[in-house]
Amino acid sequence: MNVKIFSKNNCMQCKMVKRFLADNQIEFEEVNIDEQPEAIDWLKAQGFQSVPVITSDAATVIGFRPDQLRNLAS
């Protein structure tokens, strides 16, 4: 499964999501919008207004939602 997290520096929820994914052996690719500002346009075009945004083939999760993030592991 292709999991991608859009995050930014100094974002506590982003850190919590990355820790949760790592603790549950869910591989992910990180896109830091502070380092890759071009990703902001894509996020806005999709209707997202804040990070973290976690996308996968199966679902999109906004924020730190362990109940929904667990589904990415299956």
C-alpha atoms as a PDB file:
ATOM      1  CA  MET A   1       0.000   0.000   0.000  1.00  0.00           C
ATOM      2  CA  ASN A   2       1.251   3.453  -0.867  1.00  0.00           C
ATOM      3  CA  VAL A   3       0.897   5.696   2.214  1.00  0.00           C
ATOM      4  CA  LYS A   4       1.868   9.349   2.008  1.00  0.00           C
ATOM      5  CA  ILE A   5       1.750  11.926   4.808  1.00  0.00           C
ATOM      6  CA  PHE A   6       1.693  15.641   4.110  1.00  0.00           C
ATOM      7  CA  SER A   7       3.228  17.404   7.095  1.00  0.00           C
ATOM      8  CA  LYS A   8       4.997  20.583   8.152  1.00  0.00           C
ATOM      9  CA  ASN A   9       7.667  21.546  10.644  1.00  0.00           C
ATOM     10  CA  ASN A  10       6.676  22.043  14.298  1.00  0.00           C
ATOM     11  CA  CYS A  11       3.370  20.193  13.850  1.00  0.00           C
ATOM     12  CA  MET A  12       2.562  18.045  16.885  1.00  0.00           C
ATOM     13  CA  GLN A  13      -0.197  16.079  15.133  1.00  0.00           C
ATOM     14  CA  CYS A  14       2.190  15.364  12.241  1.00  0.00           C
ATOM     15  CA  LYS A  15       4.767  13.989  14.682  1.00  0.00           C
ATOM     16  CA  MET A  16       2.135  11.848  16.388  1.00  0.00           C
ATOM     17  CA  VAL A  17       0.961  10.409  13.052  1.00  0.00           C
ATOM     18  CA  LYS A  18       4.527   9.589  11.951  1.00  0.00           C
ATOM     19  CA  ARG A  19       5.235   7.903  15.297  1.00  0.00           C
ATOM     20  CA  PHE A  20       1.978   5.919  15.102  1.00  0.00           C
ATOM     21  CA  LEU A  21       2.748   4.713  11.567  1.00  0.00           C
ATOM     22  CA  ALA A  22       6.316   3.753  12.493  1.00  0.00           C
ATOM     23  CA  ASP A  23       5.184   1.952  15.679  1.00  0.00           C
ATOM     24  CA  ASN A  24       2.698  -0.049  13.614  1.00  0.00           C
ATOM     25  CA  GLN A  25       5.229  -0.915  10.883  1.00  0.00           C
ATOM     26  CA  ILE A  26       3.299   1.068   8.263  1.00  0.00           C
ATOM     27  CA  GLU A  27       5.727   2.335   5.648  1.00  0.00           C
ATOM     28  CA  PHE A  28       5.071   5.865   4.461  1.00  0.00           C
ATOM     29  CA  GLU A  29       6.470   8.645   2.335  1.00  0.00           C
ATOM     30  CA  GLU A  30       6.583  12.100   3.907  1.00  0.00           C
ATOM     31  CA  VAL A  31       5.944  15.295   1.978  1.00  0.00           C
ATOM     32  CA  ASN A  32       6.936  18.273   4.136  1.00  0.00           C
ATOM     33  CA  ILE A  33       5.120  21.343   2.822  1.00  0.00           C
ATOM     34  CA  ASP A  34       7.713  23.648   4.410  1.00  0.00           C
ATOM     35  CA  GLU A  35      10.385  21.998   2.273  1.00  0.00           C
ATOM     36  CA  GLN A  36       8.156  21.294  -0.758  1.00  0.00           C
ATOM     37  CA  PRO A  37       5.768  24.272  -0.938  1.00  0.00           C
ATOM     38  CA  GLU A  38       4.489  23.157  -4.346  1.00  0.00           C
ATOM     39  CA  ALA A  39       2.551  20.452  -2.481  1.00  0.00           C
ATOM     40  CA  ILE A  40       0.422  23.162  -0.849  1.00  0.00           C
ATOM     41  CA  ASP A  41      -1.282  23.872  -4.177  1.00  0.00           C
ATOM     42  CA  TRP A  42      -2.187  20.186  -4.570  1.00  0.00           C
ATOM     43  CA  LEU A  43      -3.568  20.016  -1.022  1.00  0.00           C
ATOM     44  CA  LYS A  44      -5.664  23.162  -1.558  1.00  0.00           C
ATOM     45  CA  ALA A  45      -6.935  21.829  -4.892  1.00  0.00           C
ATOM     46  CA  GLN A  46      -8.129  18.696  -3.054  1.00  0.00           C
ATOM     47  CA  GLY A  47      -9.951  20.868  -0.506  1.00  0.00           C
ATOM     48  CA  PHE A  48      -7.573  20.338   2.430  1.00  0.00           C
ATOM     49  CA  GLN A  49      -6.840  23.319   4.649  1.00  0.00           C
ATOM     50  CA  SER A  50      -4.557  21.818   7.279  1.00  0.00           C
ATOM     51  CA  VAL A  51      -2.016  19.065   7.835  1.00  0.00           C
ATOM     52  CA  PRO A  52      -1.424  16.283   8.535  1.00  0.00           C
ATOM     53  CA  VAL A  53      -3.157  14.712   5.564  1.00  0.00           C
ATOM     54  CA  ILE A  54      -2.483  10.992   5.140  1.00  0.00           C
ATOM     55  CA  THR A  55      -3.376   9.438   1.796  1.00  0.00           C
ATOM     56  CA  SER A  56      -3.313   5.824   0.686  1.00  0.00           C
ATOM     57  CA  ASP A  57      -4.834   3.662  -2.005  1.00  0.00           C
ATOM     58  CA  ALA A  58      -7.692   2.819   0.349  1.00  0.00           C
ATOM     59  CA  ALA A  59      -8.429   5.998   2.307  1.00  0.00           C
ATOM     60  CA  THR A  60      -7.571   9.561   3.218  1.00  0.00           C
ATOM     61  CA  VAL A  61      -7.167  10.532   6.870  1.00  0.00           C
ATOM     62  CA  ILE A  62      -7.013  14.111   8.119  1.00  0.00           C
ATOM     63  CA  GLY A  63      -5.343  14.749  11.466  1.00  0.00           C
ATOM     64  CA  PHE A  64      -4.230  12.262  14.103  1.00  0.00           C
ATOM     65  CA  ARG A  65      -6.998   9.650  14.018  1.00  0.00           C
ATOM     66  CA  PRO A  66      -5.612   6.349  15.371  1.00  0.00           C
ATOM     67  CA  ASP A  67      -8.909   4.566  14.682  1.00  0.00           C
ATOM     68  CA  GLN A  68      -8.665   5.441  10.981  1.00  0.00           C
ATOM     69  CA  LEU A  69      -4.872   5.122  10.752  1.00  0.00           C
ATOM     70  CA  ARG A  70      -5.108   1.523  11.995  1.00  0.00           C
ATOM     71  CA  ASN A  71      -7.067   0.676   8.826  1.00  0.00           C
ATOM     72  CA  LEU A  72      -4.005   1.609   6.743  1.00  0.00           C
ATOM     73  CA  ALA A  73      -2.183  -1.372   8.234  1.00  0.00           C
ATOM     74  CA  SER A  74      -4.656  -3.892   6.837  1.00  0.00           C
END
